[in-house]
Amino acid sequence: MKIKETLLSACAVVAVPAGTAACTSGGGGATAKATPTADAVCEGGVYSWFNVDKRDVLTGVAEKEKVERKGAALTHALTRLHTPRVAVTFEKGARAVEAKAVLQALTVRIGVAEADDDGVSTAFADVHRPAQNLGGGTTTIDGVGTVVRYAWVEQVTADFRYACGAGKPVTGRATSWVVDGSGLLECSTPIEGAKEGEPALTAAHLSCDPGAPAAKA
């Protein structure tokens, strides 16, 4: 089955009969030096990161749709299941660093930006960043079958400690997401290498019939 998809996302991902494709990012070291910003209360401090968690999270899924002719466009809309957040919560100590600086430092920790590269981390560090648009684009199928469309993000959450100057260290938690993704699965086709909790398998559980091959890990 050939799939043609147009989506308004940073990373469009489609599932094929053999399984699904995905976009991922690598990790970084345990500590990263703070990226100075004009708004930082205390610049040039050092971050230590703990409990860094990166996982793909299902954000939307459509009801299964039976496609009976080649070239048909999918018409079922995605229902939003999860709205990813960009936020920094300060748990202890005076707020000696801005949320943007914390998030930019986290991009260095997870390996998606360099310490002196603010441009790469702009979206990741934007606390007003909108969630992915689940209503845009069209999808056509060059084949037949029972198809489910879904969307996901790679969510990142981490605890941090920020030490700067003579002041007391600041601790907190930061969260954002790295990529937007979308996918398609065919209910009668098993998803290769699928594990519980992955977006494609969760979408199959939600929209395919009970016991469908795609819903089995």
N, C-alpha and C. Protein backbone atom coordinates (compact mmCIF):
# COMPACT_ATOMS: atom_id res chain seq x y z
N MET A 1 0.84 -1.19 0.00
CA MET A 1 0.00 0.00 0.00
C MET A 1 0.87 1.24 0.00
N LYS A 2 0.74 2.11 -1.01
CA LYS A 2 1.50 3.34 -1.04
C LYS A 2 0.66 4.45 -0.41
N ILE A 3 1.32 5.31 0.35
CA ILE A 3 0.62 6.34 1.09
C ILE A 3 1.20 7.69 0.72
N LYS A 4 0.34 8.64 0.37
CA LYS A 4 0.78 10.00 0.12
C LYS A 4 0.15 10.89 1.17
N GLU A 5 0.99 11.62 1.90
CA GLU A 5 0.46 12.39 3.03
C GLU A 5 1.04 13.79 3.02
N THR A 6 0.17 14.79 3.30
CA THR A 6 0.59 16.17 3.44
C THR A 6 0.12 16.65 4.79
N LEU A 7 1.06 16.99 5.69
CA LEU A 7 0.70 17.41 7.04
C LEU A 7 1.50 18.63 7.45
N LEU A 8 0.88 19.49 8.27
CA LEU A 8 1.57 20.66 8.79
C LEU A 8 2.28 20.30 10.07
N SER A 9 3.42 19.61 9.97
CA SER A 9 4.17 19.21 11.16
C SER A 9 5.65 19.30 10.87
N ALA A 10 6.43 19.35 11.94
CA ALA A 10 7.88 19.46 11.78
C ALA A 10 8.48 18.19 11.26
N CYS A 11 7.81 17.07 11.48
CA CYS A 11 8.35 15.79 11.04
C CYS A 11 7.19 14.89 10.67
N ALA A 12 6.93 14.68 9.38
CA ALA A 12 5.82 13.84 8.96
C ALA A 12 6.29 12.40 8.89
N VAL A 13 5.60 11.49 9.54
CA VAL A 13 5.98 10.09 9.62
C VAL A 13 4.79 9.24 9.23
N VAL A 14 4.97 8.27 8.34
CA VAL A 14 3.86 7.42 7.94
C VAL A 14 4.20 5.97 8.20
N ALA A 15 3.15 5.19 8.46
CA ALA A 15 3.32 3.77 8.68
C ALA A 15 3.06 3.04 7.38
N VAL A 16 3.85 2.00 7.09
CA VAL A 16 3.68 1.19 5.90
C VAL A 16 3.33 -0.21 6.35
N PRO A 17 2.88 -1.10 5.44
CA PRO A 17 2.46 -2.43 5.87
C PRO A 17 3.46 -3.17 6.74
N ALA A 18 4.75 -2.93 6.55
CA ALA A 18 5.74 -3.65 7.35
C ALA A 18 5.89 -3.08 8.75
N GLY A 19 5.34 -1.91 9.02
CA GLY A 19 5.48 -1.33 10.35
C GLY A 19 5.37 0.17 10.31
N THR A 20 6.10 0.86 11.15
CA THR A 20 6.05 2.30 11.21
C THR A 20 7.45 2.89 11.17
N ALA A 21 7.51 4.16 10.76
CA ALA A 21 8.77 4.90 10.78
C ALA A 21 8.68 5.94 11.87
N ALA A 22 9.82 6.43 12.33
CA ALA A 22 9.79 7.41 13.42
C ALA A 22 10.97 8.35 13.32
N CYS A 23 10.83 9.51 13.96
CA CYS A 23 11.91 10.47 14.08
C CYS A 23 12.34 10.53 15.54
N THR A 24 13.63 10.45 15.80
CA THR A 24 14.11 10.50 17.17
C THR A 24 15.33 11.40 17.23
N SER A 25 15.73 11.75 18.45
CA SER A 25 16.92 12.57 18.67
C SER A 25 17.79 11.92 19.72
N GLY A 26 19.10 12.16 19.65
CA GLY A 26 20.03 11.56 20.59
C GLY A 26 20.13 12.32 21.89
N GLY A 27 20.93 11.80 22.84
CA GLY A 27 21.08 12.41 24.15
C GLY A 27 22.41 13.13 24.28
N GLY A 28 22.63 13.77 25.41
CA GLY A 28 23.85 14.50 25.64
C GLY A 28 24.49 14.08 26.95
N GLY A 29 25.35 14.92 27.50
CA GLY A 29 26.06 14.60 28.73
C GLY A 29 25.23 14.92 29.95
N ALA A 30 25.81 14.67 31.15
CA ALA A 30 25.07 14.83 32.40
C ALA A 30 24.93 16.28 32.80
N THR A 31 25.88 17.14 32.40
CA THR A 31 25.80 18.54 32.77
C THR A 31 26.04 19.40 31.55
N ALA A 32 25.53 20.65 31.59
CA ALA A 32 25.74 21.58 30.49
C ALA A 32 25.85 22.97 31.05
N LYS A 33 26.75 23.75 30.52
CA LYS A 33 26.92 25.11 31.01
C LYS A 33 25.77 25.97 30.52
N ALA A 34 25.32 26.88 31.34
CA ALA A 34 24.17 27.70 31.01
C ALA A 34 24.44 28.55 29.78
N THR A 35 23.40 28.73 28.97
CA THR A 35 23.49 29.63 27.84
C THR A 35 23.08 31.03 28.31
N PRO A 36 23.97 32.00 28.33
CA PRO A 36 23.63 33.32 28.83
C PRO A 36 22.54 33.97 27.99
N THR A 37 21.61 34.66 28.60
CA THR A 37 20.60 35.42 27.89
C THR A 37 20.48 36.77 28.55
N ALA A 38 19.93 37.73 27.80
CA ALA A 38 19.84 39.09 28.30
C ALA A 38 18.92 39.17 29.51
N ASP A 39 17.95 38.27 29.58
CA ASP A 39 16.96 38.33 30.65
C ASP A 39 17.34 37.51 31.88
N ALA A 40 18.45 36.77 31.83
CA ALA A 40 18.81 35.91 32.95
C ALA A 40 19.16 36.74 34.17
N VAL A 41 18.68 36.28 35.34
CA VAL A 41 18.98 36.97 36.59
C VAL A 41 20.43 36.74 37.00
N CYS A 42 20.91 35.51 36.82
CA CYS A 42 22.30 35.18 37.13
C CYS A 42 22.85 34.37 35.96
N GLU A 43 23.76 34.97 35.21
CA GLU A 43 24.28 34.33 34.00
C GLU A 43 25.53 33.50 34.28
N GLY A 44 25.76 32.52 33.38
CA GLY A 44 27.00 31.76 33.42
C GLY A 44 27.07 30.68 34.46
N GLY A 45 25.93 30.28 35.02
CA GLY A 45 25.92 29.19 36.00
C GLY A 45 26.03 27.83 35.34
N VAL A 46 25.93 26.78 36.14
CA VAL A 46 26.07 25.41 35.64
C VAL A 46 24.82 24.61 35.98
N TYR A 47 24.33 23.87 34.99
CA TYR A 47 23.17 22.99 35.17
C TYR A 47 23.61 21.56 35.42
N SER A 48 22.90 20.89 36.29
CA SER A 48 23.00 19.44 36.44
C SER A 48 21.61 18.89 36.17
N TRP A 49 21.53 17.82 35.36
CA TRP A 49 20.24 17.28 34.93
C TRP A 49 20.02 15.89 35.51
N PHE A 50 18.78 15.61 35.89
CA PHE A 50 18.41 14.32 36.48
C PHE A 50 17.07 13.87 35.90
N ASN A 51 16.86 12.57 35.91
CA ASN A 51 15.57 12.01 35.48
C ASN A 51 15.14 12.52 34.11
N VAL A 52 16.11 12.57 33.18
CA VAL A 52 15.79 13.01 31.82
C VAL A 52 14.99 11.92 31.10
N ASP A 53 13.81 12.29 30.63
CA ASP A 53 12.92 11.32 30.01
C ASP A 53 12.49 11.82 28.63
N LYS A 54 12.73 11.00 27.61
CA LYS A 54 12.28 11.31 26.25
C LYS A 54 11.39 10.17 25.79
N ARG A 55 10.19 10.49 25.38
CA ARG A 55 9.30 9.43 24.91
C ARG A 55 8.31 9.98 23.88
N ASP A 56 7.90 9.10 22.96
CA ASP A 56 6.89 9.46 21.98
C ASP A 56 5.52 9.34 22.63
N VAL A 57 4.71 10.40 22.49
CA VAL A 57 3.40 10.45 23.12
C VAL A 57 2.33 10.67 22.05
N LEU A 58 1.30 9.83 22.05
CA LEU A 58 0.19 9.98 21.11
C LEU A 58 -0.59 11.24 21.44
N THR A 59 -0.75 12.12 20.46
CA THR A 59 -1.48 13.38 20.68
C THR A 59 -2.84 13.40 20.02
N GLY A 60 -3.05 12.58 18.99
CA GLY A 60 -4.34 12.56 18.31
C GLY A 60 -4.54 11.28 17.53
N VAL A 61 -5.78 10.86 17.36
CA VAL A 61 -6.08 9.65 16.60
C VAL A 61 -7.45 9.80 15.94
N ALA A 62 -7.59 9.21 14.76
CA ALA A 62 -8.88 9.21 14.05
C ALA A 62 -9.53 7.84 14.16
N GLU A 63 -10.82 7.78 13.93
CA GLU A 63 -11.51 6.50 13.88
C GLU A 63 -11.03 5.73 12.64
N LYS A 64 -11.10 4.42 12.72
CA LYS A 64 -10.67 3.61 11.57
C LYS A 64 -11.54 3.95 10.36
N GLU A 65 -10.92 3.85 9.20
CA GLU A 65 -11.59 4.23 7.96
C GLU A 65 -11.34 3.16 6.89
N LYS A 66 -12.41 2.63 6.33
CA LYS A 66 -12.29 1.59 5.31
C LYS A 66 -12.07 2.24 3.95
N VAL A 67 -10.94 1.89 3.32
CA VAL A 67 -10.60 2.42 2.01
C VAL A 67 -10.80 1.31 0.98
N GLU A 68 -11.68 1.53 0.02
CA GLU A 68 -12.06 0.48 -0.94
C GLU A 68 -11.57 0.75 -2.35
N ARG A 69 -10.93 1.89 -2.56
CA ARG A 69 -10.39 2.16 -3.90
C ARG A 69 -9.07 2.93 -3.79
N LYS A 70 -8.19 2.70 -4.75
CA LYS A 70 -6.90 3.37 -4.75
C LYS A 70 -7.08 4.87 -5.01
N GLY A 71 -6.24 5.65 -4.34
CA GLY A 71 -6.28 7.09 -4.53
C GLY A 71 -7.32 7.80 -3.68
N ALA A 72 -8.02 7.06 -2.83
CA ALA A 72 -9.04 7.69 -1.99
C ALA A 72 -8.40 8.56 -0.91
N ALA A 73 -9.04 9.66 -0.58
CA ALA A 73 -8.56 10.55 0.48
C ALA A 73 -9.22 10.18 1.80
N LEU A 74 -8.43 10.17 2.86
CA LEU A 74 -9.00 9.91 4.18
C LEU A 74 -9.80 11.12 4.64
N THR A 75 -10.96 10.86 5.24
CA THR A 75 -11.85 11.95 5.63
C THR A 75 -12.07 12.06 7.14
N HIS A 76 -11.69 11.05 7.92
CA HIS A 76 -11.93 11.09 9.36
C HIS A 76 -10.93 12.01 10.05
N ALA A 77 -11.45 12.93 10.83
CA ALA A 77 -10.61 13.92 11.52
C ALA A 77 -9.94 13.30 12.74
N LEU A 78 -8.79 13.86 13.08
CA LEU A 78 -8.08 13.44 14.29
C LEU A 78 -8.76 14.04 15.52
N THR A 79 -8.90 13.23 16.55
CA THR A 79 -9.38 13.70 17.85
C THR A 79 -8.17 13.91 18.76
N ARG A 80 -8.07 15.09 19.37
CA ARG A 80 -6.92 15.38 20.22
C ARG A 80 -7.02 14.60 21.53
N LEU A 81 -5.92 13.91 21.88
CA LEU A 81 -5.85 13.14 23.12
C LEU A 81 -4.93 13.78 24.15
N HIS A 82 -3.93 14.50 23.67
CA HIS A 82 -2.93 15.08 24.58
C HIS A 82 -2.41 16.37 23.97
N THR A 83 -2.32 17.42 24.79
CA THR A 83 -1.75 18.69 24.35
C THR A 83 -0.39 18.86 25.02
N PRO A 84 0.70 18.76 24.25
CA PRO A 84 2.03 18.89 24.85
C PRO A 84 2.25 20.29 25.41
N ARG A 85 3.06 20.38 26.47
CA ARG A 85 3.31 21.63 27.15
C ARG A 85 4.78 22.03 27.05
N VAL A 86 5.01 23.34 27.10
CA VAL A 86 6.35 23.88 27.28
C VAL A 86 6.31 24.67 28.58
N ALA A 87 7.07 24.24 29.57
CA ALA A 87 7.00 24.89 30.88
C ALA A 87 8.25 24.60 31.70
N VAL A 88 8.53 25.51 32.64
CA VAL A 88 9.58 25.31 33.63
C VAL A 88 8.97 25.61 35.00
N THR A 89 9.08 24.67 35.93
CA THR A 89 8.59 24.83 37.29
C THR A 89 9.78 24.89 38.24
N PHE A 90 9.85 25.95 39.03
CA PHE A 90 10.94 26.11 39.99
C PHE A 90 10.48 25.57 41.34
N GLU A 91 11.23 24.60 41.86
CA GLU A 91 10.82 23.91 43.07
C GLU A 91 11.43 24.47 44.34
N LYS A 92 12.67 24.96 44.27
CA LYS A 92 13.38 25.36 45.48
C LYS A 92 14.38 26.46 45.16
N GLY A 93 14.51 27.41 46.08
CA GLY A 93 15.50 28.46 45.90
C GLY A 93 14.93 29.64 45.14
N ALA A 94 15.66 30.76 45.18
CA ALA A 94 15.25 31.96 44.46
C ALA A 94 15.32 31.69 42.96
N ARG A 95 14.45 32.34 42.20
CA ARG A 95 14.45 32.15 40.75
C ARG A 95 15.59 32.96 40.15
N ALA A 96 16.73 32.31 39.96
CA ALA A 96 17.93 33.00 39.50
C ALA A 96 18.17 32.82 38.00
N VAL A 97 17.22 32.21 37.29
CA VAL A 97 17.40 31.96 35.87
C VAL A 97 16.04 31.97 35.19
N GLU A 98 15.99 32.44 33.95
CA GLU A 98 14.73 32.51 33.22
C GLU A 98 14.38 31.15 32.60
N ALA A 99 13.08 30.93 32.41
CA ALA A 99 12.59 29.67 31.84
C ALA A 99 13.22 29.40 30.47
N LYS A 100 13.35 30.43 29.65
CA LYS A 100 13.92 30.26 28.31
C LYS A 100 15.34 29.71 28.38
N ALA A 101 16.14 30.25 29.32
CA ALA A 101 17.52 29.80 29.46
C ALA A 101 17.58 28.35 29.91
N VAL A 102 16.66 27.95 30.80
CA VAL A 102 16.62 26.56 31.25
C VAL A 102 16.33 25.63 30.08
N LEU A 103 15.34 25.97 29.28
CA LEU A 103 14.96 25.13 28.15
C LEU A 103 16.05 25.08 27.08
N GLN A 104 16.73 26.20 26.85
CA GLN A 104 17.84 26.19 25.89
C GLN A 104 18.96 25.28 26.39
N ALA A 105 19.22 25.29 27.69
CA ALA A 105 20.24 24.40 28.24
C ALA A 105 19.83 22.95 28.11
N LEU A 106 18.53 22.68 28.20
CA LEU A 106 18.05 21.31 28.06
C LEU A 106 18.25 20.80 26.63
N THR A 107 18.16 21.67 25.63
CA THR A 107 18.43 21.23 24.26
C THR A 107 19.86 20.75 24.11
N VAL A 108 20.78 21.39 24.85
CA VAL A 108 22.19 20.96 24.84
C VAL A 108 22.31 19.59 25.50
N ARG A 109 21.61 19.42 26.62
CA ARG A 109 21.68 18.16 27.36
C ARG A 109 21.20 16.98 26.52
N ILE A 110 20.14 17.18 25.74
CA ILE A 110 19.60 16.06 24.95
C ILE A 110 20.22 15.97 23.56
N GLY A 111 21.15 16.87 23.26
CA GLY A 111 21.93 16.74 22.04
C GLY A 111 21.30 17.28 20.78
N VAL A 112 20.34 18.20 20.88
CA VAL A 112 19.73 18.73 19.66
C VAL A 112 20.22 20.14 19.33
N ALA A 113 21.10 20.71 20.17
CA ALA A 113 21.68 22.03 19.90
C ALA A 113 23.01 22.14 20.60
N GLU A 114 23.85 23.04 20.10
CA GLU A 114 25.13 23.32 20.73
C GLU A 114 24.95 24.45 21.74
N ALA A 115 25.90 24.59 22.66
CA ALA A 115 25.80 25.59 23.72
C ALA A 115 25.68 27.01 23.18
N ASP A 116 26.27 27.29 22.00
CA ASP A 116 26.25 28.64 21.45
C ASP A 116 25.28 28.78 20.28
N ASP A 117 24.36 27.85 20.13
CA ASP A 117 23.43 27.85 19.00
C ASP A 117 22.01 28.09 19.50
N ASP A 118 21.60 29.36 19.60
CA ASP A 118 20.27 29.68 20.09
C ASP A 118 19.18 29.35 19.06
N GLY A 119 19.52 29.43 17.77
CA GLY A 119 18.51 29.24 16.72
C GLY A 119 17.85 27.88 16.74
N VAL A 120 18.62 26.83 16.98
CA VAL A 120 18.09 25.47 16.97
C VAL A 120 17.05 25.27 18.07
N SER A 121 17.26 25.93 19.20
CA SER A 121 16.42 25.70 20.37
C SER A 121 15.28 26.70 20.51
N THR A 122 15.07 27.56 19.51
CA THR A 122 14.06 28.61 19.62
C THR A 122 12.67 28.06 19.90
N ALA A 123 12.21 27.10 19.09
CA ALA A 123 10.88 26.55 19.28
C ALA A 123 10.79 25.75 20.58
N PHE A 124 11.81 24.98 20.87
CA PHE A 124 11.81 24.15 22.08
C PHE A 124 11.71 25.01 23.33
N ALA A 125 12.30 26.21 23.31
CA ALA A 125 12.34 27.08 24.49
C ALA A 125 11.22 28.11 24.51
N ASP A 126 10.29 28.04 23.58
CA ASP A 126 9.20 29.01 23.49
C ASP A 126 8.04 28.55 24.37
N VAL A 127 7.83 29.23 25.51
CA VAL A 127 6.76 28.83 26.44
C VAL A 127 5.38 29.12 25.86
N HIS A 128 5.31 29.87 24.76
CA HIS A 128 4.03 30.15 24.09
C HIS A 128 3.87 29.30 22.82
N ARG A 129 4.69 28.30 22.67
CA ARG A 129 4.66 27.45 21.48
C ARG A 129 3.30 26.76 21.32
N PRO A 130 2.65 26.87 20.17
CA PRO A 130 1.37 26.21 19.99
C PRO A 130 1.54 24.72 19.75
N ALA A 131 0.56 23.95 20.15
CA ALA A 131 0.57 22.51 19.87
C ALA A 131 0.40 22.29 18.37
N GLN A 132 0.79 21.11 17.89
CA GLN A 132 0.69 20.81 16.47
C GLN A 132 -0.75 20.92 15.99
N ASN A 133 -0.90 21.33 14.74
CA ASN A 133 -2.21 21.47 14.12
C ASN A 133 -2.69 20.09 13.66
N LEU A 134 -3.74 19.58 14.27
CA LEU A 134 -4.23 18.25 13.92
C LEU A 134 -5.25 18.28 12.79
N GLY A 135 -5.61 19.47 12.31
CA GLY A 135 -6.65 19.55 11.29
C GLY A 135 -6.15 19.87 9.90
N GLY A 136 -4.86 20.14 9.73
CA GLY A 136 -4.36 20.55 8.43
C GLY A 136 -3.91 19.39 7.56
N GLY A 137 -3.84 19.65 6.24
CA GLY A 137 -3.31 18.67 5.30
C GLY A 137 -4.31 17.63 4.85
N THR A 138 -3.92 16.86 3.83
CA THR A 138 -4.75 15.78 3.31
C THR A 138 -3.90 14.52 3.18
N THR A 139 -4.57 13.37 3.20
CA THR A 139 -3.89 12.09 3.08
C THR A 139 -4.62 11.23 2.06
N THR A 140 -3.91 10.71 1.08
CA THR A 140 -4.51 9.80 0.11
C THR A 140 -3.81 8.45 0.17
N ILE A 141 -4.55 7.40 -0.13
CA ILE A 141 -4.05 6.03 -0.02
C ILE A 141 -4.05 5.36 -1.39
N ASP A 142 -2.89 4.84 -1.79
CA ASP A 142 -2.79 4.10 -3.05
C ASP A 142 -2.90 2.61 -2.74
N GLY A 143 -4.08 2.19 -2.34
CA GLY A 143 -4.32 0.82 -1.94
C GLY A 143 -5.66 0.72 -1.23
N VAL A 144 -5.93 -0.42 -0.65
CA VAL A 144 -7.19 -0.62 0.07
C VAL A 144 -6.88 -1.19 1.46
N GLY A 145 -7.86 -1.07 2.36
CA GLY A 145 -7.67 -1.60 3.70
C GLY A 145 -8.40 -0.75 4.72
N THR A 146 -8.26 -1.11 5.98
CA THR A 146 -8.85 -0.35 7.08
C THR A 146 -7.72 0.43 7.75
N VAL A 147 -7.78 1.74 7.62
CA VAL A 147 -6.65 2.60 7.95
C VAL A 147 -6.98 3.50 9.15
N VAL A 148 -5.99 3.74 9.98
CA VAL A 148 -6.11 4.65 11.12
C VAL A 148 -5.00 5.69 11.01
N ARG A 149 -5.37 6.95 11.12
CA ARG A 149 -4.40 8.05 11.11
C ARG A 149 -4.18 8.53 12.54
N TYR A 150 -2.93 8.89 12.87
CA TYR A 150 -2.63 9.34 14.23
C TYR A 150 -1.51 10.37 14.21
N ALA A 151 -1.33 11.07 15.34
CA ALA A 151 -0.27 12.07 15.48
C ALA A 151 0.41 11.90 16.83
N TRP A 152 1.67 12.34 16.91
CA TRP A 152 2.44 12.18 18.14
C TRP A 152 3.51 13.27 18.26
N VAL A 153 4.08 13.40 19.44
CA VAL A 153 5.25 14.26 19.65
C VAL A 153 6.27 13.48 20.48
N GLU A 154 7.52 13.88 20.40
CA GLU A 154 8.55 13.35 21.28
C GLU A 154 8.68 14.32 22.45
N GLN A 155 8.07 13.96 23.56
CA GLN A 155 8.05 14.81 24.75
C GLN A 155 9.33 14.62 25.57
N VAL A 156 9.87 15.71 26.08
CA VAL A 156 11.08 15.67 26.91
C VAL A 156 10.76 16.30 28.26
N THR A 157 11.09 15.60 29.35
CA THR A 157 10.91 16.11 30.70
C THR A 157 12.18 15.84 31.49
N ALA A 158 12.62 16.81 32.28
CA ALA A 158 13.85 16.62 33.05
C ALA A 158 13.83 17.50 34.30
N ASP A 159 14.43 16.98 35.39
CA ASP A 159 14.66 17.76 36.61
C ASP A 159 16.05 18.39 36.51
N PHE A 160 16.19 19.58 37.09
CA PHE A 160 17.49 20.26 36.99
C PHE A 160 17.87 20.94 38.30
N ARG A 161 19.17 21.20 38.41
CA ARG A 161 19.74 22.00 39.50
C ARG A 161 20.63 23.05 38.85
N TYR A 162 20.42 24.31 39.21
CA TYR A 162 21.18 25.39 38.60
C TYR A 162 21.96 26.13 39.69
N ALA A 163 23.29 26.10 39.58
CA ALA A 163 24.16 26.77 40.55
C ALA A 163 24.83 27.95 39.87
N CYS A 164 24.71 29.14 40.51
CA CYS A 164 25.26 30.34 39.89
C CYS A 164 25.72 31.32 40.96
N GLY A 165 26.98 31.74 40.92
CA GLY A 165 27.50 32.72 41.85
C GLY A 165 27.43 32.22 43.29
N ALA A 166 27.24 33.16 44.22
CA ALA A 166 27.23 32.83 45.63
C ALA A 166 25.83 32.49 46.15
N GLY A 167 24.83 32.60 45.28
CA GLY A 167 23.46 32.32 45.70
C GLY A 167 23.20 30.83 45.86
N LYS A 168 22.07 30.51 46.51
CA LYS A 168 21.69 29.11 46.70
C LYS A 168 21.28 28.49 45.36
N PRO A 169 21.61 27.22 45.14
CA PRO A 169 21.22 26.56 43.90
C PRO A 169 19.70 26.55 43.73
N VAL A 170 19.27 26.58 42.49
CA VAL A 170 17.86 26.54 42.15
C VAL A 170 17.54 25.16 41.57
N THR A 171 16.43 24.58 41.97
CA THR A 171 16.01 23.29 41.40
C THR A 171 14.65 23.44 40.76
N GLY A 172 14.35 22.55 39.83
CA GLY A 172 13.06 22.62 39.16
C GLY A 172 12.89 21.52 38.13
N ARG A 173 11.85 21.65 37.34
CA ARG A 173 11.55 20.68 36.28
C ARG A 173 11.21 21.43 34.99
N ALA A 174 11.74 20.91 33.88
CA ALA A 174 11.50 21.52 32.57
C ALA A 174 10.87 20.49 31.63
N THR A 175 9.96 20.96 30.77
CA THR A 175 9.36 20.07 29.79
C THR A 175 9.07 20.80 28.49
N SER A 176 9.26 20.11 27.38
CA SER A 176 8.94 20.62 26.05
C SER A 176 8.91 19.42 25.12
N TRP A 177 8.87 19.65 23.81
CA TRP A 177 8.92 18.52 22.89
C TRP A 177 9.83 18.83 21.71
N VAL A 178 10.41 17.76 21.14
CA VAL A 178 11.44 17.91 20.12
C VAL A 178 10.84 17.92 18.72
N VAL A 179 9.99 16.96 18.39
CA VAL A 179 9.44 16.86 17.04
C VAL A 179 7.94 16.61 17.09
N ASP A 180 7.25 17.05 16.02
CA ASP A 180 5.88 16.65 15.77
C ASP A 180 5.92 15.50 14.77
N GLY A 181 5.05 14.54 14.91
CA GLY A 181 5.03 13.43 13.96
C GLY A 181 3.61 13.01 13.63
N SER A 182 3.45 12.31 12.52
CA SER A 182 2.16 11.76 12.14
C SER A 182 2.37 10.39 11.54
N GLY A 183 1.34 9.58 11.52
CA GLY A 183 1.50 8.24 10.99
C GLY A 183 0.19 7.63 10.54
N LEU A 184 0.31 6.54 9.81
CA LEU A 184 -0.82 5.74 9.36
C LEU A 184 -0.55 4.29 9.67
N LEU A 185 -1.58 3.56 10.01
CA LEU A 185 -1.44 2.11 10.19
C LEU A 185 -2.63 1.43 9.54
N GLU A 186 -2.43 0.19 9.15
CA GLU A 186 -3.50 -0.61 8.54
C GLU A 186 -3.84 -1.71 9.54
N CYS A 187 -5.12 -1.78 9.95
CA CYS A 187 -5.50 -2.61 11.09
C CYS A 187 -5.19 -4.10 10.89
N SER A 188 -5.19 -4.59 9.66
CA SER A 188 -4.96 -6.01 9.43
C SER A 188 -3.49 -6.35 9.28
N THR A 189 -2.61 -5.34 9.41
CA THR A 189 -1.17 -5.55 9.24
C THR A 189 -0.44 -5.34 10.56
N PRO A 190 0.27 -6.35 11.07
CA PRO A 190 1.02 -6.18 12.32
C PRO A 190 2.05 -5.07 12.20
N ILE A 191 2.32 -4.38 13.30
CA ILE A 191 3.32 -3.32 13.34
C ILE A 191 4.62 -3.92 13.83
N GLU A 192 5.63 -3.96 12.98
CA GLU A 192 6.90 -4.60 13.32
C GLU A 192 7.57 -3.93 14.51
N GLY A 193 7.97 -4.74 15.48
CA GLY A 193 8.72 -4.23 16.62
C GLY A 193 7.93 -3.34 17.56
N ALA A 194 6.62 -3.34 17.46
CA ALA A 194 5.81 -2.45 18.31
C ALA A 194 5.88 -2.86 19.77
N LYS A 195 5.98 -1.87 20.65
CA LYS A 195 6.02 -2.11 22.10
C LYS A 195 4.88 -1.36 22.77
N GLU A 196 4.42 -1.87 23.88
CA GLU A 196 3.33 -1.23 24.60
C GLU A 196 3.69 0.22 24.93
N GLY A 197 2.72 1.11 24.72
CA GLY A 197 2.93 2.52 25.01
C GLY A 197 3.37 3.33 23.81
N GLU A 198 3.81 2.69 22.72
CA GLU A 198 4.22 3.44 21.54
C GLU A 198 2.99 4.00 20.82
N PRO A 199 3.11 5.19 20.20
CA PRO A 199 1.95 5.83 19.58
C PRO A 199 1.18 4.97 18.59
N ALA A 200 1.88 4.27 17.69
CA ALA A 200 1.18 3.47 16.68
C ALA A 200 0.35 2.36 17.33
N LEU A 201 0.93 1.67 18.30
CA LEU A 201 0.22 0.57 18.94
C LEU A 201 -0.95 1.09 19.77
N THR A 202 -0.76 2.21 20.45
CA THR A 202 -1.85 2.80 21.22
C THR A 202 -2.99 3.23 20.30
N ALA A 203 -2.64 3.81 19.14
CA ALA A 203 -3.66 4.20 18.17
C ALA A 203 -4.43 2.99 17.66
N ALA A 204 -3.73 1.88 17.43
CA ALA A 204 -4.39 0.65 16.98
C ALA A 204 -5.34 0.12 18.05
N HIS A 205 -4.92 0.17 19.32
CA HIS A 205 -5.78 -0.26 20.42
C HIS A 205 -7.06 0.57 20.46
N LEU A 206 -6.93 1.88 20.21
CA LEU A 206 -8.06 2.78 20.33
C LEU A 206 -9.03 2.70 19.16
N SER A 207 -8.50 2.47 17.94
CA SER A 207 -9.36 2.61 16.76
C SER A 207 -9.63 1.34 15.98
N CYS A 208 -8.72 0.36 16.03
CA CYS A 208 -8.97 -0.89 15.30
C CYS A 208 -9.90 -1.78 16.12
N ASP A 209 -10.46 -2.81 15.48
CA ASP A 209 -11.30 -3.77 16.19
C ASP A 209 -10.47 -4.55 17.21
N PRO A 210 -11.09 -4.99 18.31
CA PRO A 210 -10.37 -5.81 19.28
C PRO A 210 -9.78 -7.06 18.62
N GLY A 211 -8.52 -7.32 18.93
CA GLY A 211 -7.86 -8.48 18.36
C GLY A 211 -7.27 -8.26 16.98
N ALA A 212 -7.35 -7.04 16.45
CA ALA A 212 -6.78 -6.78 15.13
C ALA A 212 -5.26 -6.98 15.16
N PRO A 213 -4.67 -7.50 14.09
CA PRO A 213 -3.21 -7.74 14.06
C PRO A 213 -2.37 -6.51 14.43
N ALA A 214 -2.80 -5.32 14.01
CA ALA A 214 -2.03 -4.11 14.28
C ALA A 214 -2.01 -3.76 15.76
N ALA A 215 -2.98 -4.28 16.52
CA ALA A 215 -3.08 -3.93 17.95
C ALA A 215 -2.30 -4.90 18.83
N LYS A 216 -1.59 -5.84 18.24
CA LYS A 216 -0.85 -6.83 19.02
C LYS A 216 0.63 -6.48 19.06
N ALA A 217 1.20 -6.40 20.27
CA ALA A 217 2.62 -6.07 20.40
C ALA A 217 3.47 -7.25 19.96
